[in-house]
Amino acid sequence: MLRRKLIGISGGLALSLVSLSVPASSQAANNAVAQKKASDIAQANGFQAGQVKSVSGGTLTLTPYNGASNMTQFYLPSNTPVYQGTGAITTAGLMPGVDVRVHYKNATGGQNPQIAAIEVLNKEEANAARAQANAAPPQMTAQNQPPIAPAPAPTPAPAPVPPPVQAQPQPQAQWPSGNAPTAQVSPQQKQSIISRASGSQPGKIDKVAAGYLMLKPYQRAAGEATLRFDPNTPVYQGNGAVSWQALQSGTDVRVYYKESGKHEKPKVVAVEILNARQARQTERSERDIPRGQ
């Protein structure tokens, strides 16, 4: 269960940050695109990254980065929003070989999943998405992946059954070194992002899957929380920003979220990784709070 906490920031402070970075007109245009992008992505049930194979007759065929996945077909409405960097482009820019992240709605009635929005990835983003996709087998579920019909396989000849082999744990090295800050973030920038949230909840990361973050709150009376999560969501640690892949199971965090529609899960606005001292103090103050407070 998530508890609401109000988060505020002075309008003057946010305005001074904008005036130091880019002209107000450019900032306003970028903010408008960013808000529409967030709104479009929030309508999706999941996402998949890969390279455009083809676009034809309202159908986009995607070659996923994970080699274990077959090519996936999506329904591409003519007015589908396509984002690149801080701007928007038309679907004409979706040429074969372009690296993208497709945000889609689950298929109904045997149709292909419908695309809600497309992000065109730069080289660095594509390499990171490719590494993530190949770090583990794809999770093809009705909630986070489009249904993909596996290709028929020939019946194998009988073979001796080998003795069971105990599975080895995944090495820690599969996670990029995202715990070290990758970029310095000013308190004003951080507060500007956090101020968009409608509430926050501290706890431990249970799991970060495709499109979702699962949190075990410190508050013992609260149940596990599931929130919608985008890989572009800012993750803060100390005075820096780190990769979302630093959110391993058991990591102590404070999740800032924004309430969505009545039948939608809240969307993560930002995540702050707590140090050991912050985690201990926060857990002591939160764990015995009654449910509903």
C-alpha atoms as a PDB file:
ATOM      1  CA  MET A   1       0.000   0.000   0.000  1.00  0.00           C
ATOM      2  CA  LEU A   2       1.434   3.443  -0.929  1.00  0.00           C
ATOM      3  CA  ARG A   3       1.195   6.433   1.409  1.00  0.00           C
ATOM      4  CA  ARG A   4       0.889   9.970   0.049  1.00  0.00           C
ATOM      5  CA  LYS A   5       3.451  12.614   1.003  1.00  0.00           C
ATOM      6  CA  LEU A   6       3.421  16.108  -0.456  1.00  0.00           C
ATOM      7  CA  ILE A   7       6.610  17.250  -2.135  1.00  0.00           C
ATOM      8  CA  GLY A   8       7.102  20.938  -2.982  1.00  0.00           C
ATOM      9  CA  ILE A   9       9.522  23.233  -4.744  1.00  0.00           C
ATOM     10  CA  SER A  10       9.436  26.997  -5.145  1.00  0.00           C
ATOM     11  CA  GLY A  11       8.497  28.228  -8.578  1.00  0.00           C
ATOM     12  CA  GLY A  12      11.342  30.771  -8.474  1.00  0.00           C
ATOM     13  CA  LEU A  13      13.934  28.053  -7.989  1.00  0.00           C
ATOM     14  CA  ALA A  14      12.675  26.012 -10.921  1.00  0.00           C
ATOM     15  CA  LEU A  15      12.581  29.137 -13.101  1.00  0.00           C
ATOM     16  CA  SER A  16      16.164  30.071 -12.279  1.00  0.00           C
ATOM     17  CA  LEU A  17      17.310  26.568 -13.276  1.00  0.00           C
ATOM     18  CA  VAL A  18      15.628  26.913 -16.672  1.00  0.00           C
ATOM     19  CA  SER A  19      17.117  30.345 -17.327  1.00  0.00           C
ATOM     20  CA  LEU A  20      20.632  29.027 -16.687  1.00  0.00           C
ATOM     21  CA  SER A  21      20.349  26.148 -19.121  1.00  0.00           C
ATOM     22  CA  VAL A  22      18.518  27.066 -22.332  1.00  0.00           C
ATOM     23  CA  PRO A  23      16.252  29.917 -23.545  1.00  0.00           C
ATOM     24  CA  ALA A  24      12.759  29.842 -22.079  1.00  0.00           C
ATOM     25  CA  SER A  25      11.136  29.206 -25.459  1.00  0.00           C
ATOM     26  CA  SER A  26      13.348  26.185 -26.170  1.00  0.00           C
ATOM     27  CA  GLN A  27      12.870  24.884 -22.641  1.00  0.00           C
ATOM     28  CA  ALA A  28       9.096  25.227 -22.936  1.00  0.00           C
ATOM     29  CA  ALA A  29       9.125  23.309 -26.234  1.00  0.00           C
ATOM     30  CA  ASN A  30      11.331  20.566 -24.760  1.00  0.00           C
ATOM     31  CA  ASN A  31       9.100  20.328 -21.683  1.00  0.00           C
ATOM     32  CA  ALA A  32       6.007  20.008 -23.863  1.00  0.00           C
ATOM     33  CA  VAL A  33       7.587  17.167 -25.860  1.00  0.00           C
ATOM     34  CA  ALA A  34       8.798  15.462 -22.668  1.00  0.00           C
ATOM     35  CA  GLN A  35       5.343  15.661 -21.085  1.00  0.00           C
ATOM     36  CA  LYS A  36       3.629  14.267 -24.188  1.00  0.00           C
ATOM     37  CA  LYS A  37       6.246  11.508 -24.424  1.00  0.00           C
ATOM     38  CA  ALA A  38       5.649  10.512 -20.799  1.00  0.00           C
ATOM     39  CA  SER A  39       1.881  10.576 -21.367  1.00  0.00           C
ATOM     40  CA  ASP A  40       2.126   8.406 -24.502  1.00  0.00           C
ATOM     41  CA  ILE A  41       4.461   5.871 -22.863  1.00  0.00           C
ATOM     42  CA  ALA A  42       2.203   5.680 -19.795  1.00  0.00           C
ATOM     43  CA  GLN A  43      -0.546   4.219 -22.006  1.00  0.00           C
ATOM     44  CA  ALA A  44       1.595   1.168 -22.837  1.00  0.00           C
ATOM     45  CA  ASN A  45       1.529  -2.192 -21.054  1.00  0.00           C
ATOM     46  CA  GLY A  46       5.126  -3.103 -21.902  1.00  0.00           C
ATOM     47  CA  PHE A  47       8.083  -2.384 -24.156  1.00  0.00           C
ATOM     48  CA  GLN A  48      10.626  -4.225 -26.325  1.00  0.00           C
ATOM     49  CA  ALA A  49      13.903  -2.984 -27.771  1.00  0.00           C
ATOM     50  CA  GLY A  50      15.480  -4.021 -31.071  1.00  0.00           C
ATOM     51  CA  GLN A  51      16.066  -2.994 -34.668  1.00  0.00           C
ATOM     52  CA  VAL A  52      13.407  -2.141 -37.233  1.00  0.00           C
ATOM     53  CA  LYS A  53      13.171  -4.949 -39.787  1.00  0.00           C
ATOM     54  CA  SER A  54      10.480  -3.361 -41.941  1.00  0.00           C
ATOM     55  CA  VAL A  55       7.465  -1.048 -41.931  1.00  0.00           C
ATOM     56  CA  SER A  56       4.699  -1.959 -44.354  1.00  0.00           C
ATOM     57  CA  GLY A  57       0.934  -1.537 -44.505  1.00  0.00           C
ATOM     58  CA  GLY A  58       0.486  -0.453 -40.897  1.00  0.00           C
ATOM     59  CA  THR A  59       2.726  -3.236 -39.563  1.00  0.00           C
ATOM     60  CA  LEU A  60       6.146  -2.760 -37.967  1.00  0.00           C
ATOM     61  CA  THR A  61       8.365  -5.837 -37.819  1.00  0.00           C
ATOM     62  CA  LEU A  62      10.990  -5.726 -35.079  1.00  0.00           C
ATOM     63  CA  THR A  63      14.126  -7.847 -34.658  1.00  0.00           C
ATOM     64  CA  PRO A  64      14.566  -7.997 -30.838  1.00  0.00           C
ATOM     65  CA  TYR A  65      18.065  -7.598 -29.397  1.00  0.00           C
ATOM     66  CA  ASN A  66      17.680 -10.870 -27.533  1.00  0.00           C
ATOM     67  CA  GLY A  67      18.739 -13.551 -29.975  1.00  0.00           C
ATOM     68  CA  ALA A  68      16.379 -16.060 -28.330  1.00  0.00           C
ATOM     69  CA  SER A  69      13.325 -14.073 -29.487  1.00  0.00           C
ATOM     70  CA  ASN A  70      11.666 -14.355 -32.870  1.00  0.00           C
ATOM     71  CA  MET A  71      10.862 -11.308 -34.961  1.00  0.00           C
ATOM     72  CA  THR A  72       7.822  -9.509 -33.564  1.00  0.00           C
ATOM     73  CA  GLN A  73       5.081  -7.751 -35.497  1.00  0.00           C
ATOM     74  CA  PHE A  74       3.192  -4.734 -34.132  1.00  0.00           C
ATOM     75  CA  TYR A  75       0.228  -2.761 -35.411  1.00  0.00           C
ATOM     76  CA  LEU A  76       1.537   0.735 -36.299  1.00  0.00           C
ATOM     77  CA  PRO A  77      -1.200   3.411 -36.504  1.00  0.00           C
ATOM     78  CA  SER A  78      -0.350   6.229 -38.914  1.00  0.00           C
ATOM     79  CA  ASN A  79      -0.386   8.792 -36.088  1.00  0.00           C
ATOM     80  CA  THR A  80       1.962   6.837 -33.795  1.00  0.00           C
ATOM     81  CA  PRO A  81       4.259   9.277 -31.908  1.00  0.00           C
ATOM     82  CA  VAL A  82       7.985   8.688 -32.573  1.00  0.00           C
ATOM     83  CA  TYR A  83      10.527  10.381 -30.298  1.00  0.00           C
ATOM     84  CA  GLN A  84      14.225  10.969 -30.907  1.00  0.00           C
ATOM     85  CA  GLY A  85      16.299  12.778 -28.292  1.00  0.00           C
ATOM     86  CA  THR A  86      14.303  15.762 -27.068  1.00  0.00           C
ATOM     87  CA  GLY A  87      12.177  16.004 -30.213  1.00  0.00           C
ATOM     88  CA  ALA A  88       9.594  14.113 -32.244  1.00  0.00           C
ATOM     89  CA  ILE A  89       9.881  12.744 -35.791  1.00  0.00           C
ATOM     90  CA  THR A  90       7.495  11.019 -38.203  1.00  0.00           C
ATOM     91  CA  THR A  91       7.157   7.297 -38.823  1.00  0.00           C
ATOM     92  CA  ALA A  92       8.993   7.876 -42.116  1.00  0.00           C
ATOM     93  CA  GLY A  93      12.196   7.887 -40.061  1.00  0.00           C
ATOM     94  CA  LEU A  94      11.696   4.225 -39.064  1.00  0.00           C
ATOM     95  CA  MET A  95      14.041   2.804 -41.674  1.00  0.00           C
ATOM     96  CA  PRO A  96      15.341  -0.806 -41.568  1.00  0.00           C
ATOM     97  CA  GLY A  97      18.195  -1.139 -39.083  1.00  0.00           C
ATOM     98  CA  VAL A  98      17.116   1.788 -36.875  1.00  0.00           C
ATOM     99  CA  ASP A  99      17.499   1.017 -33.144  1.00  0.00           C
ATOM    100  CA  VAL A 100      14.223   1.579 -31.265  1.00  0.00           C
ATOM    101  CA  ARG A 101      12.325   0.841 -28.081  1.00  0.00           C
ATOM    102  CA  VAL A 102       8.694  -0.011 -28.888  1.00  0.00           C
ATOM    103  CA  HIS A 103       6.097   0.718 -26.204  1.00  0.00           C
ATOM    104  CA  TYR A 104       2.984  -1.326 -26.920  1.00  0.00           C
ATOM    105  CA  LYS A 105      -0.471  -2.252 -25.681  1.00  0.00           C
ATOM    106  CA  ASN A 106      -1.294  -5.919 -25.184  1.00  0.00           C
ATOM    107  CA  ALA A 107      -2.929  -7.651 -28.140  1.00  0.00           C
ATOM    108  CA  THR A 108      -6.652  -8.458 -28.080  1.00  0.00           C
ATOM    109  CA  GLY A 109      -8.731 -10.725 -30.276  1.00  0.00           C
ATOM    110  CA  GLY A 110      -5.762 -12.355 -31.989  1.00  0.00           C
ATOM    111  CA  GLN A 111      -4.444  -9.058 -33.362  1.00  0.00           C
ATOM    112  CA  ASN A 112      -0.878  -7.786 -33.225  1.00  0.00           C
ATOM    113  CA  PRO A 113      -0.025  -5.608 -30.198  1.00  0.00           C
ATOM    114  CA  GLN A 114      -0.702  -1.933 -30.941  1.00  0.00           C
ATOM    115  CA  ILE A 115       2.167   0.532 -30.631  1.00  0.00           C
ATOM    116  CA  ALA A 116       1.565   3.408 -28.184  1.00  0.00           C
ATOM    117  CA  ALA A 117       4.895   5.179 -28.774  1.00  0.00           C
ATOM    118  CA  ILE A 118       8.371   4.575 -30.214  1.00  0.00           C
ATOM    119  CA  GLU A 119      11.718   5.835 -28.940  1.00  0.00           C
ATOM    120  CA  VAL A 120      14.597   6.006 -31.435  1.00  0.00           C
ATOM    121  CA  LEU A 121      17.771   5.035 -29.543  1.00  0.00           C
ATOM    122  CA  ASN A 122      21.190   6.572 -29.990  1.00  0.00           C
ATOM    123  CA  LYS A 123      24.295   4.368 -30.122  1.00  0.00           C
ATOM    124  CA  GLU A 124      24.901   4.449 -26.363  1.00  0.00           C
ATOM    125  CA  GLU A 125      21.258   3.708 -25.519  1.00  0.00           C
ATOM    126  CA  ALA A 126      21.139   0.893 -28.075  1.00  0.00           C
ATOM    127  CA  ASN A 127      24.290  -0.734 -26.672  1.00  0.00           C
ATOM    128  CA  ALA A 128      22.887  -0.561 -23.124  1.00  0.00           C
ATOM    129  CA  ALA A 129      19.527  -2.034 -24.215  1.00  0.00           C
ATOM    130  CA  ARG A 130      21.301  -4.788 -26.177  1.00  0.00           C
ATOM    131  CA  ALA A 131      23.455  -5.717 -23.170  1.00  0.00           C
ATOM    132  CA  GLN A 132      20.396  -5.833 -20.919  1.00  0.00           C
ATOM    133  CA  ALA A 133      18.434  -7.992 -23.359  1.00  0.00           C
ATOM    134  CA  ASN A 134      21.219 -10.554 -23.657  1.00  0.00           C
ATOM    135  CA  ALA A 135      22.004 -10.702 -19.939  1.00  0.00           C
ATOM    136  CA  ALA A 136      19.032 -13.027 -19.278  1.00  0.00           C
ATOM    137  CA  PRO A 137      16.437 -15.049 -21.238  1.00  0.00           C
ATOM    138  CA  PRO A 138      13.414 -13.014 -22.445  1.00  0.00           C
ATOM    139  CA  GLN A 139      10.364 -13.026 -20.191  1.00  0.00           C
ATOM    140  CA  MET A 140       7.431 -13.634 -22.493  1.00  0.00           C
ATOM    141  CA  THR A 141       4.359 -13.024 -20.375  1.00  0.00           C
ATOM    142  CA  ALA A 142       0.990 -11.545 -21.201  1.00  0.00           C
ATOM    143  CA  GLN A 143       1.743  -8.586 -18.938  1.00  0.00           C
ATOM    144  CA  ASN A 144       5.150  -7.445 -20.109  1.00  0.00           C
ATOM    145  CA  GLN A 145       5.797  -8.872 -23.569  1.00  0.00           C
ATOM    146  CA  PRO A 146       3.818  -9.229 -26.783  1.00  0.00           C
ATOM    147  CA  PRO A 147       2.662 -12.765 -27.535  1.00  0.00           C
ATOM    148  CA  ILE A 148       5.123 -14.372 -29.944  1.00  0.00           C
ATOM    149  CA  ALA A 149       4.291 -17.637 -31.675  1.00  0.00           C
ATOM    150  CA  PRO A 150       7.354 -19.930 -31.524  1.00  0.00           C
ATOM    151  CA  ALA A 151       8.492 -21.513 -34.760  1.00  0.00           C
ATOM    152  CA  PRO A 152       7.723 -25.234 -35.008  1.00  0.00           C
ATOM    153  CA  ALA A 153      10.718 -27.394 -34.173  1.00  0.00           C
ATOM    154  CA  PRO A 154      11.456 -30.900 -35.489  1.00  0.00           C
ATOM    155  CA  THR A 155      10.967 -33.784 -33.097  1.00  0.00           C
ATOM    156  CA  PRO A 156      14.390 -34.651 -31.674  1.00  0.00           C
ATOM    157  CA  ALA A 157      15.669 -38.212 -31.699  1.00  0.00           C
ATOM    158  CA  PRO A 158      15.736 -39.987 -28.337  1.00  0.00           C
ATOM    159  CA  ALA A 159      18.913 -39.237 -26.431  1.00  0.00           C
ATOM    160  CA  PRO A 160      20.371 -40.343 -23.102  1.00  0.00           C
ATOM    161  CA  VAL A 161      19.183 -38.195 -20.226  1.00  0.00           C
ATOM    162  CA  PRO A 162      22.211 -36.507 -18.623  1.00  0.00           C
ATOM    163  CA  PRO A 163      22.467 -36.355 -14.842  1.00  0.00           C
ATOM    164  CA  PRO A 164      20.934 -33.196 -13.302  1.00  0.00           C
ATOM    165  CA  VAL A 165      23.306 -30.297 -13.035  1.00  0.00           C
ATOM    166  CA  GLN A 166      22.839 -27.744 -10.306  1.00  0.00           C
ATOM    167  CA  ALA A 167      22.276 -24.307 -11.775  1.00  0.00           C
ATOM    168  CA  GLN A 168      25.046 -21.844 -11.063  1.00  0.00           C
ATOM    169  CA  PRO A 169      24.048 -18.444  -9.669  1.00  0.00           C
ATOM    170  CA  GLN A 170      24.245 -15.556 -12.085  1.00  0.00           C
ATOM    171  CA  PRO A 171      27.535 -13.712 -11.581  1.00  0.00           C
ATOM    172  CA  GLN A 172      27.284 -10.228 -10.128  1.00  0.00           C
ATOM    173  CA  ALA A 173      29.244  -8.968 -13.114  1.00  0.00           C
ATOM    174  CA  GLN A 174      26.150  -9.204 -15.301  1.00  0.00           C
ATOM    175  CA  TRP A 175      25.077  -5.882 -13.773  1.00  0.00           C
ATOM    176  CA  PRO A 176      26.999  -2.938 -15.227  1.00  0.00           C
ATOM    177  CA  SER A 177      28.857  -0.861 -12.649  1.00  0.00           C
ATOM    178  CA  GLY A 178      25.850   1.382 -12.163  1.00  0.00           C
ATOM    179  CA  ASN A 179      26.400   1.958  -8.416  1.00  0.00           C
ATOM    180  CA  ALA A 180      29.018   4.613  -9.129  1.00  0.00           C
ATOM    181  CA  PRO A 181      27.595   8.020 -10.075  1.00  0.00           C
ATOM    182  CA  THR A 182      27.683   8.499 -13.835  1.00  0.00           C
ATOM    183  CA  ALA A 183      26.800  12.195 -13.751  1.00  0.00           C
ATOM    184  CA  GLN A 184      26.708  14.926 -11.146  1.00  0.00           C
ATOM    185  CA  VAL A 185      23.237  16.308 -10.420  1.00  0.00           C
ATOM    186  CA  SER A 186      22.568  19.604  -8.678  1.00  0.00           C
ATOM    187  CA  PRO A 187      20.077  19.650  -5.784  1.00  0.00           C
ATOM    188  CA  GLN A 188      17.893  21.993  -7.852  1.00  0.00           C
ATOM    189  CA  GLN A 189      17.761  19.562 -10.790  1.00  0.00           C
ATOM    190  CA  LYS A 190      16.984  16.647  -8.499  1.00  0.00           C
ATOM    191  CA  GLN A 191      14.254  18.546  -6.645  1.00  0.00           C
ATOM    192  CA  SER A 192      12.745  19.697  -9.928  1.00  0.00           C
ATOM    193  CA  ILE A 193      12.219  16.061 -10.976  1.00  0.00           C
ATOM    194  CA  ILE A 194      11.035  14.862  -7.561  1.00  0.00           C
ATOM    195  CA  SER A 195       8.515  17.710  -7.319  1.00  0.00           C
ATOM    196  CA  ARG A 196       6.498  16.081 -10.114  1.00  0.00           C
ATOM    197  CA  ALA A 197       5.627  13.154  -7.814  1.00  0.00           C
ATOM    198  CA  SER A 198       2.385  12.902  -5.867  1.00  0.00           C
ATOM    199  CA  GLY A 199       3.861  10.653  -3.169  1.00  0.00           C
ATOM    200  CA  SER A 200       6.819   8.527  -2.095  1.00  0.00           C
ATOM    201  CA  GLN A 201       7.440   5.160  -0.432  1.00  0.00           C
ATOM    202  CA  PRO A 202      10.686   3.838   1.117  1.00  0.00           C
ATOM    203  CA  GLY A 203      11.590   0.161   1.108  1.00  0.00           C
ATOM    204  CA  LYS A 204      13.675  -2.531  -0.564  1.00  0.00           C
ATOM    205  CA  ILE A 205      13.689  -3.424  -4.243  1.00  0.00           C
ATOM    206  CA  ASP A 206      12.144  -6.841  -4.820  1.00  0.00           C
ATOM    207  CA  LYS A 207      12.465  -6.968  -8.590  1.00  0.00           C
ATOM    208  CA  VAL A 208      12.721  -4.739 -11.642  1.00  0.00           C
ATOM    209  CA  ALA A 209      11.133  -6.449 -14.650  1.00  0.00           C
ATOM    210  CA  ALA A 210      10.183  -5.187 -18.086  1.00  0.00           C
ATOM    211  CA  GLY A 211       7.986  -2.185 -17.436  1.00  0.00           C
ATOM    212  CA  TYR A 212       7.501  -2.729 -13.690  1.00  0.00           C
ATOM    213  CA  LEU A 213       9.238  -2.111 -10.354  1.00  0.00           C
ATOM    214  CA  MET A 214       8.242  -4.230  -7.366  1.00  0.00           C
ATOM    215  CA  LEU A 215       8.909  -2.730  -3.906  1.00  0.00           C
ATOM    216  CA  LYS A 216       8.783  -4.222  -0.403  1.00  0.00           C
ATOM    217  CA  PRO A 217       7.899  -1.205   1.800  1.00  0.00           C
ATOM    218  CA  TYR A 218       9.566  -0.765   5.207  1.00  0.00           C
ATOM    219  CA  GLN A 219       6.058  -0.328   6.614  1.00  0.00           C
ATOM    220  CA  ARG A 220       5.245  -3.841   7.753  1.00  0.00           C
ATOM    221  CA  ALA A 221       1.484  -3.296   7.537  1.00  0.00           C
ATOM    222  CA  ALA A 222       1.730  -2.405   3.850  1.00  0.00           C
ATOM    223  CA  GLY A 223       1.773  -5.036   1.151  1.00  0.00           C
ATOM    224  CA  GLU A 224       4.208  -5.288  -1.736  1.00  0.00           C
ATOM    225  CA  ALA A 225       3.806  -2.429  -4.203  1.00  0.00           C
ATOM    226  CA  THR A 226       3.986  -2.795  -7.998  1.00  0.00           C
ATOM    227  CA  LEU A 227       4.589   0.373  -9.997  1.00  0.00           C
ATOM    228  CA  ARG A 228       5.052   1.115 -13.697  1.00  0.00           C
ATOM    229  CA  PHE A 229       8.722   1.793 -14.466  1.00  0.00           C
ATOM    230  CA  ASP A 230      10.484   3.171 -17.526  1.00  0.00           C
ATOM    231  CA  PRO A 231      14.238   2.536 -18.057  1.00  0.00           C
ATOM    232  CA  ASN A 232      14.711   6.284 -18.646  1.00  0.00           C
ATOM    233  CA  THR A 233      13.469   7.066 -15.124  1.00  0.00           C
ATOM    234  CA  PRO A 234      16.151   9.032 -13.195  1.00  0.00           C
ATOM    235  CA  VAL A 235      17.890   7.092 -10.407  1.00  0.00           C
ATOM    236  CA  TYR A 236      19.814   9.155  -7.843  1.00  0.00           C
ATOM    237  CA  GLN A 237      22.584   8.118  -5.451  1.00  0.00           C
ATOM    238  CA  GLY A 238      24.168  10.801  -3.316  1.00  0.00           C
ATOM    239  CA  ASN A 239      24.900  13.784  -5.554  1.00  0.00           C
ATOM    240  CA  GLY A 240      24.916  11.768  -8.764  1.00  0.00           C
ATOM    241  CA  ALA A 241      22.683   9.978 -11.239  1.00  0.00           C
ATOM    242  CA  VAL A 242      23.263   6.259 -11.850  1.00  0.00           C
ATOM    243  CA  SER A 243      21.998   3.588 -14.222  1.00  0.00           C
ATOM    244  CA  TRP A 244      18.608   1.999 -13.458  1.00  0.00           C
ATOM    245  CA  GLN A 245      20.489  -1.309 -13.454  1.00  0.00           C
ATOM    246  CA  ALA A 246      21.851  -0.372 -10.020  1.00  0.00           C
ATOM    247  CA  LEU A 247      18.363  -1.291  -8.698  1.00  0.00           C
ATOM    248  CA  GLN A 248      19.175  -4.847  -7.699  1.00  0.00           C
ATOM    249  CA  SER A 249      17.041  -6.988  -5.434  1.00  0.00           C
ATOM    250  CA  GLY A 250      17.451  -5.854  -1.814  1.00  0.00           C
ATOM    251  CA  THR A 251      18.588  -2.296  -2.639  1.00  0.00           C
ATOM    252  CA  ASP A 252      17.288   0.260  -0.101  1.00  0.00           C
ATOM    253  CA  VAL A 253      15.435   3.035  -1.934  1.00  0.00           C
ATOM    254  CA  ARG A 254      12.825   5.743  -1.741  1.00  0.00           C
ATOM    255  CA  VAL A 255      10.490   5.570  -4.738  1.00  0.00           C
ATOM    256  CA  TYR A 256       8.800   8.779  -5.888  1.00  0.00           C
ATOM    257  CA  TYR A 257       5.639   8.047  -7.841  1.00  0.00           C
ATOM    258  CA  LYS A 258       2.720   9.720  -9.525  1.00  0.00           C
ATOM    259  CA  GLU A 259      -0.810   8.377  -9.244  1.00  0.00           C
ATOM    260  CA  SER A 260      -2.362   7.303 -12.560  1.00  0.00           C
ATOM    261  CA  GLY A 261      -5.939   6.534 -13.521  1.00  0.00           C
ATOM    262  CA  LYS A 262      -8.310   4.580 -11.330  1.00  0.00           C
ATOM    263  CA  HIS A 263      -7.439   1.253 -12.961  1.00  0.00           C
ATOM    264  CA  GLU A 264      -3.741   1.908 -13.590  1.00  0.00           C
ATOM    265  CA  LYS A 265      -0.759   1.347 -11.348  1.00  0.00           C
ATOM    266  CA  PRO A 266       1.198   4.417 -10.167  1.00  0.00           C
ATOM    267  CA  LYS A 267       4.127   5.450 -12.376  1.00  0.00           C
ATOM    268  CA  VAL A 268       7.635   5.883 -10.947  1.00  0.00           C
ATOM    269  CA  VAL A 269       8.890   9.471 -11.349  1.00  0.00           C
ATOM    270  CA  ALA A 270      12.320   8.989  -9.719  1.00  0.00           C
ATOM    271  CA  VAL A 271      14.183   6.574  -7.440  1.00  0.00           C
ATOM    272  CA  GLU A 272      16.655   7.575  -4.715  1.00  0.00           C
ATOM    273  CA  ILE A 273      19.112   4.932  -3.467  1.00  0.00           C
ATOM    274  CA  LEU A 274      19.560   5.204   0.331  1.00  0.00           C
ATOM    275  CA  ASN A 275      22.872   4.700   2.089  1.00  0.00           C
ATOM    276  CA  ALA A 276      23.099   2.348   5.087  1.00  0.00           C
ATOM    277  CA  ARG A 277      22.482   5.083   7.657  1.00  0.00           C
ATOM    278  CA  GLN A 278      19.502   6.540   5.801  1.00  0.00           C
ATOM    279  CA  ALA A 279      18.039   3.060   5.362  1.00  0.00           C
ATOM    280  CA  ARG A 280      18.306   2.210   9.084  1.00  0.00           C
ATOM    281  CA  GLN A 281      16.781   5.495  10.230  1.00  0.00           C
ATOM    282  CA  THR A 282      13.971   5.385   7.680  1.00  0.00           C
ATOM    283  CA  GLU A 283      13.103   1.751   8.387  1.00  0.00           C
ATOM    284  CA  ARG A 284      12.894   2.397  12.152  1.00  0.00           C
ATOM    285  CA  SER A 285      10.533   5.313  11.631  1.00  0.00           C
ATOM    286  CA  GLU A 286       8.330   3.541   9.068  1.00  0.00           C
ATOM    287  CA  ARG A 287       8.021  -0.127  10.006  1.00  0.00           C
ATOM    288  CA  ASP A 288       5.407   0.169  12.804  1.00  0.00           C
ATOM    289  CA  ILE A 289       3.158   2.759  11.166  1.00  0.00           C
ATOM    290  CA  PRO A 290      -0.393   1.327  10.963  1.00  0.00           C
ATOM    291  CA  ARG A 291      -1.849   0.511   7.563  1.00  0.00           C
ATOM    292  CA  GLY A 292      -3.583   3.419   5.862  1.00  0.00           C
ATOM    293  CA  GLN A 293      -1.390   6.123   7.417  1.00  0.00           C
END
